Amino acid sequence: MDCIRALDGVKDVEPVWQTAANAYIGDEKQVINIITATERINLVSTIEGRMPKDASECAIEQTIAGEAGWKIGDEIEWAEM
């Protein structure tokens, strides 16, 4: 992180954790990217509901939720990659 922060033109650096998972949308398996929320850069805002309170909850991008037919409070089945 320090070497990135030291580059010319870099104003801020913040780590994130990212992975991919399979999610079932109906009977079809889709790859979903999972990314931690940041504290300063590319901040997330909610359109409906609230941000997750613990590891058993997640926030879903509006486009993906709409395509999947997911609504606030739905349970999502994750599959191993």
PDB file of N, CA and C in Angstrom:
ATOM      1  N   MET A   1       0.824  -1.186   0.000  1.00  0.00           N
ATOM      2  CA  MET A   1       0.000   0.000   0.000  1.00  0.00           C
ATOM      3  C   MET A   1       0.869   1.251   0.000  1.00  0.00           C
ATOM      4  N   ASP A   2       1.931   1.241   0.769  1.00  0.00           N
ATOM      5  CA  ASP A   2       2.785   2.427   0.835  1.00  0.00           C
ATOM      6  C   ASP A   2       3.412   2.739  -0.517  1.00  0.00           C
ATOM      7  N   CYS A   3       3.794   1.702  -1.281  1.00  0.00           N
ATOM      8  CA  CYS A   3       4.412   1.964  -2.583  1.00  0.00           C
ATOM      9  C   CYS A   3       3.395   2.530  -3.571  1.00  0.00           C
ATOM     10  N   ILE A   4       2.136   2.143  -3.465  1.00  0.00           N
ATOM     11  CA  ILE A   4       1.092   2.720  -4.323  1.00  0.00           C
ATOM     12  C   ILE A   4       0.823   4.149  -3.896  1.00  0.00           C
ATOM     13  N   ARG A   5       0.722   4.366  -2.604  1.00  0.00           N
ATOM     14  CA  ARG A   5       0.470   5.704  -2.067  1.00  0.00           C
ATOM     15  C   ARG A   5       1.565   6.691  -2.482  1.00  0.00           C
ATOM     16  N   ALA A   6       2.790   6.202  -2.660  1.00  0.00           N
ATOM     17  CA  ALA A   6       3.927   7.056  -3.002  1.00  0.00           C
ATOM     18  C   ALA A   6       3.973   7.450  -4.479  1.00  0.00           C
ATOM     19  N   LEU A   7       3.141   6.816  -5.316  1.00  0.00           N
ATOM     20  CA  LEU A   7       3.144   7.142  -6.746  1.00  0.00           C
ATOM     21  C   LEU A   7       2.592   8.541  -7.000  1.00  0.00           C
ATOM     22  N   ASP A   8       3.185   9.235  -7.984  1.00  0.00           N
ATOM     23  CA  ASP A   8       2.701  10.561  -8.365  1.00  0.00           C
ATOM     24  C   ASP A   8       1.238  10.487  -8.781  1.00  0.00           C
ATOM     25  N   GLY A   9       0.453  11.423  -8.294  1.00  0.00           N
ATOM     26  CA  GLY A   9      -0.949  11.519  -8.669  1.00  0.00           C
ATOM     27  C   GLY A   9      -1.898  10.704  -7.808  1.00  0.00           C
ATOM     28  N   VAL A  10      -1.391   9.832  -6.948  1.00  0.00           N
ATOM     29  CA  VAL A  10      -2.247   9.026  -6.071  1.00  0.00           C
ATOM     30  C   VAL A  10      -2.620   9.866  -4.857  1.00  0.00           C
ATOM     31  N   LYS A  11      -3.915  10.098  -4.685  1.00  0.00           N
ATOM     32  CA  LYS A  11      -4.382  10.926  -3.578  1.00  0.00           C
ATOM     33  C   LYS A  11      -4.701  10.110  -2.329  1.00  0.00           C
ATOM     34  N   ASP A  12      -5.176   8.877  -2.524  1.00  0.00           N
ATOM     35  CA  ASP A  12      -5.538   8.046  -1.379  1.00  0.00           C
ATOM     36  C   ASP A  12      -5.511   6.586  -1.813  1.00  0.00           C
ATOM     37  N   VAL A  13      -5.289   5.706  -0.878  1.00  0.00           N
ATOM     38  CA  VAL A  13      -5.260   4.267  -1.117  1.00  0.00           C
ATOM     39  C   VAL A  13      -6.035   3.610   0.014  1.00  0.00           C
ATOM     40  N   GLU A  14      -6.836   2.611  -0.341  1.00  0.00           N
ATOM     41  CA  GLU A  14      -7.600   1.905   0.679  1.00  0.00           C
ATOM     42  C   GLU A  14      -7.746   0.445   0.257  1.00  0.00           C
ATOM     43  N   PRO A  15      -7.425  -0.492   1.139  1.00  0.00           N
ATOM     44  CA  PRO A  15      -7.521  -1.903   0.765  1.00  0.00           C
ATOM     45  C   PRO A  15      -8.971  -2.390   0.743  1.00  0.00           C
ATOM     46  N   VAL A  16      -9.227  -3.362  -0.115  1.00  0.00           N
ATOM     47  CA  VAL A  16     -10.508  -4.064  -0.128  1.00  0.00           C
ATOM     48  C   VAL A  16     -10.231  -5.552  -0.267  1.00  0.00           C
ATOM     49  N   TRP A  17     -11.186  -6.337   0.103  1.00  0.00           N
ATOM     50  CA  TRP A  17     -11.121  -7.781  -0.079  1.00  0.00           C
ATOM     51  C   TRP A  17     -12.148  -8.118  -1.145  1.00  0.00           C
ATOM     52  N   GLN A  18     -11.759  -8.920  -2.115  1.00  0.00           N
ATOM     53  CA  GLN A  18     -12.668  -9.258  -3.214  1.00  0.00           C
ATOM     54  C   GLN A  18     -12.535 -10.726  -3.555  1.00  0.00           C
ATOM     55  N   THR A  19     -13.668 -11.360  -3.849  1.00  0.00           N
ATOM     56  CA  THR A  19     -13.682 -12.753  -4.288  1.00  0.00           C
ATOM     57  C   THR A  19     -14.908 -12.954  -5.176  1.00  0.00           C
ATOM     58  N   ALA A  20     -15.000 -14.084  -5.792  1.00  0.00           N
ATOM     59  CA  ALA A  20     -16.160 -14.433  -6.609  1.00  0.00           C
ATOM     60  C   ALA A  20     -16.854 -15.625  -5.974  1.00  0.00           C
ATOM     61  N   ALA A  21     -18.165 -15.693  -6.153  1.00  0.00           N
ATOM     62  CA  ALA A  21     -18.950 -16.813  -5.632  1.00  0.00           C
ATOM     63  C   ALA A  21     -20.027 -17.149  -6.640  1.00  0.00           C
ATOM     64  N   ASN A  22     -20.495 -18.373  -6.584  1.00  0.00           N
ATOM     65  CA  ASN A  22     -21.633 -18.767  -7.405  1.00  0.00           C
ATOM     66  C   ASN A  22     -22.905 -18.494  -6.624  1.00  0.00           C
ATOM     67  N   ALA A  23     -23.900 -17.937  -7.284  1.00  0.00           N
ATOM     68  CA  ALA A  23     -25.213 -17.729  -6.674  1.00  0.00           C
ATOM     69  C   ALA A  23     -26.251 -18.284  -7.636  1.00  0.00           C
ATOM     70  N   TYR A  24     -27.278 -18.886  -7.095  1.00  0.00           N
ATOM     71  CA  TYR A  24     -28.352 -19.393  -7.946  1.00  0.00           C
ATOM     72  C   TYR A  24     -29.397 -18.314  -8.134  1.00  0.00           C
ATOM     73  N   ILE A  25     -29.652 -17.985  -9.385  1.00  0.00           N
ATOM     74  CA  ILE A  25     -30.714 -17.058  -9.757  1.00  0.00           C
ATOM     75  C   ILE A  25     -31.737 -17.931 -10.475  1.00  0.00           C
ATOM     76  N   GLY A  26     -32.784 -18.281  -9.744  1.00  0.00           N
ATOM     77  CA  GLY A  26     -33.683 -19.323 -10.234  1.00  0.00           C
ATOM     78  C   GLY A  26     -32.908 -20.630 -10.202  1.00  0.00           C
ATOM     79  N   ASP A  27     -32.903 -21.341 -11.313  1.00  0.00           N
ATOM     80  CA  ASP A  27     -32.145 -22.589 -11.407  1.00  0.00           C
ATOM     81  C   ASP A  27     -30.791 -22.376 -12.061  1.00  0.00           C
ATOM     82  N   GLU A  28     -30.495 -21.139 -12.442  1.00  0.00           N
ATOM     83  CA  GLU A  28     -29.252 -20.843 -13.155  1.00  0.00           C
ATOM     84  C   GLU A  28     -28.177 -20.351 -12.196  1.00  0.00           C
ATOM     85  N   LYS A  29     -26.993 -20.953 -12.300  1.00  0.00           N
ATOM     86  CA  LYS A  29     -25.873 -20.544 -11.458  1.00  0.00           C
ATOM     87  C   LYS A  29     -25.163 -19.365 -12.114  1.00  0.00           C
ATOM     88  N   GLN A  30     -24.939 -18.288 -11.352  1.00  0.00           N
ATOM     89  CA  GLN A  30     -24.276 -17.081 -11.837  1.00  0.00           C
ATOM     90  C   GLN A  30     -23.069 -16.786 -10.959  1.00  0.00           C
ATOM     91  N   VAL A  31     -22.028 -16.231 -11.545  1.00  0.00           N
ATOM     92  CA  VAL A  31     -20.872 -15.794 -10.764  1.00  0.00           C
ATOM     93  C   VAL A  31     -21.133 -14.372 -10.283  1.00  0.00           C
ATOM     94  N   ILE A  32     -21.019 -14.171  -8.979  1.00  0.00           N
ATOM     95  CA  ILE A  32     -21.241 -12.869  -8.354  1.00  0.00           C
ATOM     96  C   ILE A  32     -19.926 -12.434  -7.707  1.00  0.00           C
ATOM     97  N   ASN A  33     -19.516 -11.191  -7.935  1.00  0.00           N
ATOM     98  CA  ASN A  33     -18.323 -10.646  -7.275  1.00  0.00           C
ATOM     99  C   ASN A  33     -18.705 -10.107  -5.912  1.00  0.00           C
ATOM    100  N   ILE A  34     -17.912 -10.454  -4.918  1.00  0.00           N
ATOM    101  CA  ILE A  34     -18.139 -10.002  -3.545  1.00  0.00           C
ATOM    102  C   ILE A  34     -16.979  -9.092  -3.166  1.00  0.00           C
ATOM    103  N   ILE A  35     -17.303  -7.876  -2.741  1.00  0.00           N
ATOM    104  CA  ILE A  35     -16.288  -6.870  -2.425  1.00  0.00           C
ATOM    105  C   ILE A  35     -16.646  -6.228  -1.092  1.00  0.00           C
ATOM    106  N   THR A  36     -15.642  -6.036  -0.236  1.00  0.00           N
ATOM    107  CA  THR A  36     -15.905  -5.354   1.031  1.00  0.00           C
ATOM    108  C   THR A  36     -16.205  -3.879   0.780  1.00  0.00           C
ATOM    109  N   ALA A  37     -16.989  -3.306   1.669  1.00  0.00           N
ATOM    110  CA  ALA A  37     -17.276  -1.874   1.593  1.00  0.00           C
ATOM    111  C   ALA A  37     -16.047  -1.093   2.051  1.00  0.00           C
ATOM    112  N   THR A  38     -15.841   0.052   1.458  1.00  0.00           N
ATOM    113  CA  THR A  38     -14.706   0.898   1.817  1.00  0.00           C
ATOM    114  C   THR A  38     -15.152   1.978   2.804  1.00  0.00           C
ATOM    115  N   GLU A  39     -14.176   2.655   3.383  1.00  0.00           N
ATOM    116  CA  GLU A  39     -14.479   3.711   4.349  1.00  0.00           C
ATOM    117  C   GLU A  39     -14.319   5.114   3.778  1.00  0.00           C
ATOM    118  N   ARG A  40     -13.488   5.251   2.691  1.00  0.00           N
ATOM    119  CA  ARG A  40     -13.214   6.595   2.164  1.00  0.00           C
ATOM    120  C   ARG A  40     -13.364   6.702   0.650  1.00  0.00           C
ATOM    121  N   ILE A  41     -13.044   5.641  -0.087  1.00  0.00           N
ATOM    122  CA  ILE A  41     -12.993   5.685  -1.546  1.00  0.00           C
ATOM    123  C   ILE A  41     -14.142   4.854  -2.116  1.00  0.00           C
ATOM    124  N   ASN A  42     -14.787   5.362  -3.174  1.00  0.00           N
ATOM    125  CA  ASN A  42     -15.898   4.640  -3.814  1.00  0.00           C
ATOM    126  C   ASN A  42     -16.933   4.182  -2.790  1.00  0.00           C
ATOM    127  N   LEU A  43     -17.412   5.101  -2.008  1.00  0.00           N
ATOM    128  CA  LEU A  43     -18.355   4.784  -0.951  1.00  0.00           C
ATOM    129  C   LEU A  43     -19.674   4.259  -1.509  1.00  0.00           C
ATOM    130  N   VAL A  44     -20.267   3.338  -0.793  1.00  0.00           N
ATOM    131  CA  VAL A  44     -21.530   2.723  -1.167  1.00  0.00           C
ATOM    132  C   VAL A  44     -22.664   3.525  -0.549  1.00  0.00           C
ATOM    133  N   SER A  45     -23.741   3.684  -1.291  1.00  0.00           N
ATOM    134  CA  SER A  45     -24.933   4.305  -0.724  1.00  0.00           C
ATOM    135  C   SER A  45     -26.109   3.371  -0.963  1.00  0.00           C
ATOM    136  N   THR A  46     -27.077   3.418  -0.084  1.00  0.00           N
ATOM    137  CA  THR A  46     -28.242   2.554  -0.212  1.00  0.00           C
ATOM    138  C   THR A  46     -29.393   3.318  -0.861  1.00  0.00           C
ATOM    139  N   ILE A  47     -30.138   2.602  -1.690  1.00  0.00           N
ATOM    140  CA  ILE A  47     -31.339   3.162  -2.309  1.00  0.00           C
ATOM    141  C   ILE A  47     -32.552   2.730  -1.496  1.00  0.00           C
ATOM    142  N   GLU A  48     -32.502   1.486  -1.022  1.00  0.00           N
ATOM    143  CA  GLU A  48     -33.540   0.945  -0.151  1.00  0.00           C
ATOM    144  C   GLU A  48     -32.858   0.170   0.968  1.00  0.00           C
ATOM    145  N   GLY A  49     -33.527   0.031   2.080  1.00  0.00           N
ATOM    146  CA  GLY A  49     -32.987  -0.770   3.177  1.00  0.00           C
ATOM    147  C   GLY A  49     -31.854  -0.061   3.891  1.00  0.00           C
ATOM    148  N   ARG A  50     -30.912  -0.873   4.400  1.00  0.00           N
ATOM    149  CA  ARG A  50     -29.791  -0.350   5.176  1.00  0.00           C
ATOM    150  C   ARG A  50     -28.553  -1.168   4.837  1.00  0.00           C
ATOM    151  N   MET A  51     -27.414  -0.709   5.299  1.00  0.00           N
ATOM    152  CA  MET A  51     -26.178  -1.463   5.103  1.00  0.00           C
ATOM    153  C   MET A  51     -26.212  -2.702   6.003  1.00  0.00           C
ATOM    154  N   PRO A  52     -25.509  -3.764   5.612  1.00  0.00           N
ATOM    155  CA  PRO A  52     -25.474  -4.991   6.417  1.00  0.00           C
ATOM    156  C   PRO A  52     -24.944  -4.724   7.826  1.00  0.00           C
ATOM    157  N   LYS A  53     -25.517  -5.443   8.803  1.00  0.00           N
ATOM    158  CA  LYS A  53     -25.092  -5.295  10.197  1.00  0.00           C
ATOM    159  C   LYS A  53     -24.063  -6.329  10.609  1.00  0.00           C
ATOM    160  N   ASP A  54     -24.053  -7.502   9.959  1.00  0.00           N
ATOM    161  CA  ASP A  54     -23.090  -8.542  10.328  1.00  0.00           C
ATOM    162  C   ASP A  54     -22.798  -9.431   9.123  1.00  0.00           C
ATOM    163  N   ALA A  55     -21.972 -10.444   9.342  1.00  0.00           N
ATOM    164  CA  ALA A  55     -21.502 -11.307   8.245  1.00  0.00           C
ATOM    165  C   ALA A  55     -22.598 -12.169   7.628  1.00  0.00           C
ATOM    166  N   SER A  56     -23.761 -12.248   8.250  1.00  0.00           N
ATOM    167  CA  SER A  56     -24.855 -13.028   7.673  1.00  0.00           C
ATOM    168  C   SER A  56     -25.687 -12.216   6.690  1.00  0.00           C
ATOM    169  N   GLU A  57     -25.360 -10.945   6.528  1.00  0.00           N
ATOM    170  CA  GLU A  57     -26.102 -10.058   5.625  1.00  0.00           C
ATOM    171  C   GLU A  57     -25.177  -9.517   4.543  1.00  0.00           C
ATOM    172  N   CYS A  58     -25.782  -9.069   3.445  1.00  0.00           N
ATOM    173  CA  CYS A  58     -24.995  -8.443   2.384  1.00  0.00           C
ATOM    174  C   CYS A  58     -25.837  -7.386   1.685  1.00  0.00           C
ATOM    175  N   ALA A  59     -25.176  -6.481   1.013  1.00  0.00           N
ATOM    176  CA  ALA A  59     -25.844  -5.494   0.163  1.00  0.00           C
ATOM    177  C   ALA A  59     -25.639  -5.956  -1.272  1.00  0.00           C
ATOM    178  N   ILE A  60     -26.650  -5.832  -2.086  1.00  0.00           N
ATOM    179  CA  ILE A  60     -26.604  -6.288  -3.479  1.00  0.00           C
ATOM    180  C   ILE A  60     -26.779  -5.082  -4.398  1.00  0.00           C
ATOM    181  N   GLU A  61     -25.972  -5.031  -5.436  1.00  0.00           N
ATOM    182  CA  GLU A  61     -26.116  -3.969  -6.430  1.00  0.00           C
ATOM    183  C   GLU A  61     -27.528  -4.028  -7.032  1.00  0.00           C
ATOM    184  N   GLN A  62     -28.142  -2.886  -7.222  1.00  0.00           N
ATOM    185  CA  GLN A  62     -29.521  -2.790  -7.681  1.00  0.00           C
ATOM    186  C   GLN A  62     -29.759  -3.552  -8.985  1.00  0.00           C
ATOM    187  N   THR A  63     -28.843  -3.454  -9.930  1.00  0.00           N
ATOM    188  CA  THR A  63     -29.010  -4.136 -11.215  1.00  0.00           C
ATOM    189  C   THR A  63     -29.060  -5.644 -11.033  1.00  0.00           C
ATOM    190  N   ILE A  64     -28.140  -6.180 -10.240  1.00  0.00           N
ATOM    191  CA  ILE A  64     -28.103  -7.635 -10.006  1.00  0.00           C
ATOM    192  C   ILE A  64     -29.365  -8.082  -9.268  1.00  0.00           C
ATOM    193  N   ALA A  65     -29.765  -7.344  -8.252  1.00  0.00           N
ATOM    194  CA  ALA A  65     -30.971  -7.701  -7.495  1.00  0.00           C
ATOM    195  C   ALA A  65     -32.190  -7.717  -8.410  1.00  0.00           C
ATOM    196  N   GLY A  66     -32.295  -6.726  -9.275  1.00  0.00           N
ATOM    197  CA  GLY A  66     -33.426  -6.662 -10.201  1.00  0.00           C
ATOM    198  C   GLY A  66     -33.442  -7.826 -11.172  1.00  0.00           C
ATOM    199  N   GLU A  67     -32.283  -8.140 -11.741  1.00  0.00           N
ATOM    200  CA  GLU A  67     -32.193  -9.256 -12.685  1.00  0.00           C
ATOM    201  C   GLU A  67     -32.532 -10.579 -12.012  1.00  0.00           C
ATOM    202  N   ALA A  68     -32.144 -10.712 -10.753  1.00  0.00           N
ATOM    203  CA  ALA A  68     -32.375 -11.957 -10.021  1.00  0.00           C
ATOM    204  C   ALA A  68     -33.763 -12.020  -9.398  1.00  0.00           C
ATOM    205  N   GLY A  69     -34.435 -10.873  -9.321  1.00  0.00           N
ATOM    206  CA  GLY A  69     -35.731 -10.839  -8.657  1.00  0.00           C
ATOM    207  C   GLY A  69     -35.603 -10.845  -7.136  1.00  0.00           C
ATOM    208  N   TRP A  70     -34.404 -10.502  -6.631  1.00  0.00           N
ATOM    209  CA  TRP A  70     -34.169 -10.478  -5.189  1.00  0.00           C
ATOM    210  C   TRP A  70     -34.723  -9.209  -4.581  1.00  0.00           C
ATOM    211  N   LYS A  71     -35.286  -9.336  -3.401  1.00  0.00           N
ATOM    212  CA  LYS A  71     -35.816  -8.196  -2.665  1.00  0.00           C
ATOM    213  C   LYS A  71     -35.175  -8.148  -1.280  1.00  0.00           C
ATOM    214  N   ILE A  72     -35.291  -7.027  -0.617  1.00  0.00           N
ATOM    215  CA  ILE A  72     -34.742  -6.871   0.728  1.00  0.00           C
ATOM    216  C   ILE A  72     -35.307  -7.964   1.628  1.00  0.00           C
ATOM    217  N   GLY A  73     -34.413  -8.635   2.347  1.00  0.00           N
ATOM    218  CA  GLY A  73     -34.813  -9.698   3.261  1.00  0.00           C
ATOM    219  C   GLY A  73     -34.778 -11.091   2.663  1.00  0.00           C
ATOM    220  N   ASP A  74     -34.618 -11.204   1.333  1.00  0.00           N
ATOM    221  CA  ASP A  74     -34.519 -12.526   0.701  1.00  0.00           C
ATOM    222  C   ASP A  74     -33.265 -13.248   1.157  1.00  0.00           C
ATOM    223  N   GLU A  75     -33.332 -14.561   1.210  1.00  0.00           N
ATOM    224  CA  GLU A  75     -32.163 -15.375   1.506  1.00  0.00           C
ATOM    225  C   GLU A  75     -31.584 -15.849   0.179  1.00  0.00           C
ATOM    226  N   ILE A  76     -30.260 -15.789   0.056  1.00  0.00           N
ATOM    227  CA  ILE A  76     -29.573 -16.163  -1.174  1.00  0.00           C
ATOM    228  C   ILE A  76     -28.755 -17.411  -0.888  1.00  0.00           C
ATOM    229  N   GLU A  77     -28.883 -18.412  -1.758  1.00  0.00           N
ATOM    230  CA  GLU A  77     -28.111 -19.645  -1.618  1.00  0.00           C
ATOM    231  C   GLU A  77     -26.812 -19.499  -2.384  1.00  0.00           C
ATOM    232  N   TRP A  78     -25.688 -19.608  -1.688  1.00  0.00           N
ATOM    233  CA  TRP A  78     -24.366 -19.502  -2.305  1.00  0.00           C
ATOM    234  C   TRP A  78     -23.822 -20.901  -2.533  1.00  0.00           C
ATOM    235  N   ALA A  79     -23.152 -21.084  -3.648  1.00  0.00           N
ATOM    236  CA  ALA A  79     -22.553 -22.385  -3.964  1.00  0.00           C
ATOM    237  C   ALA A  79     -21.036 -22.258  -3.949  1.00  0.00           C
ATOM    238  N   GLU A  80     -20.374 -23.357  -3.650  1.00  0.00           N
ATOM    239  CA  GLU A  80     -18.907 -23.340  -3.681  1.00  0.00           C
ATOM    240  C   GLU A  80     -18.439 -23.216  -5.114  1.00  0.00           C
ATOM    241  N   MET A  81     -17.316 -22.498  -5.295  1.00  0.00           N
ATOM    242  CA  MET A  81     -16.745 -22.316  -6.640  1.00  0.00           C
ATOM    243  C   MET A  81     -15.983 -23.561  -7.027  1.00  0.00           C
TER     244      MET A  81
END
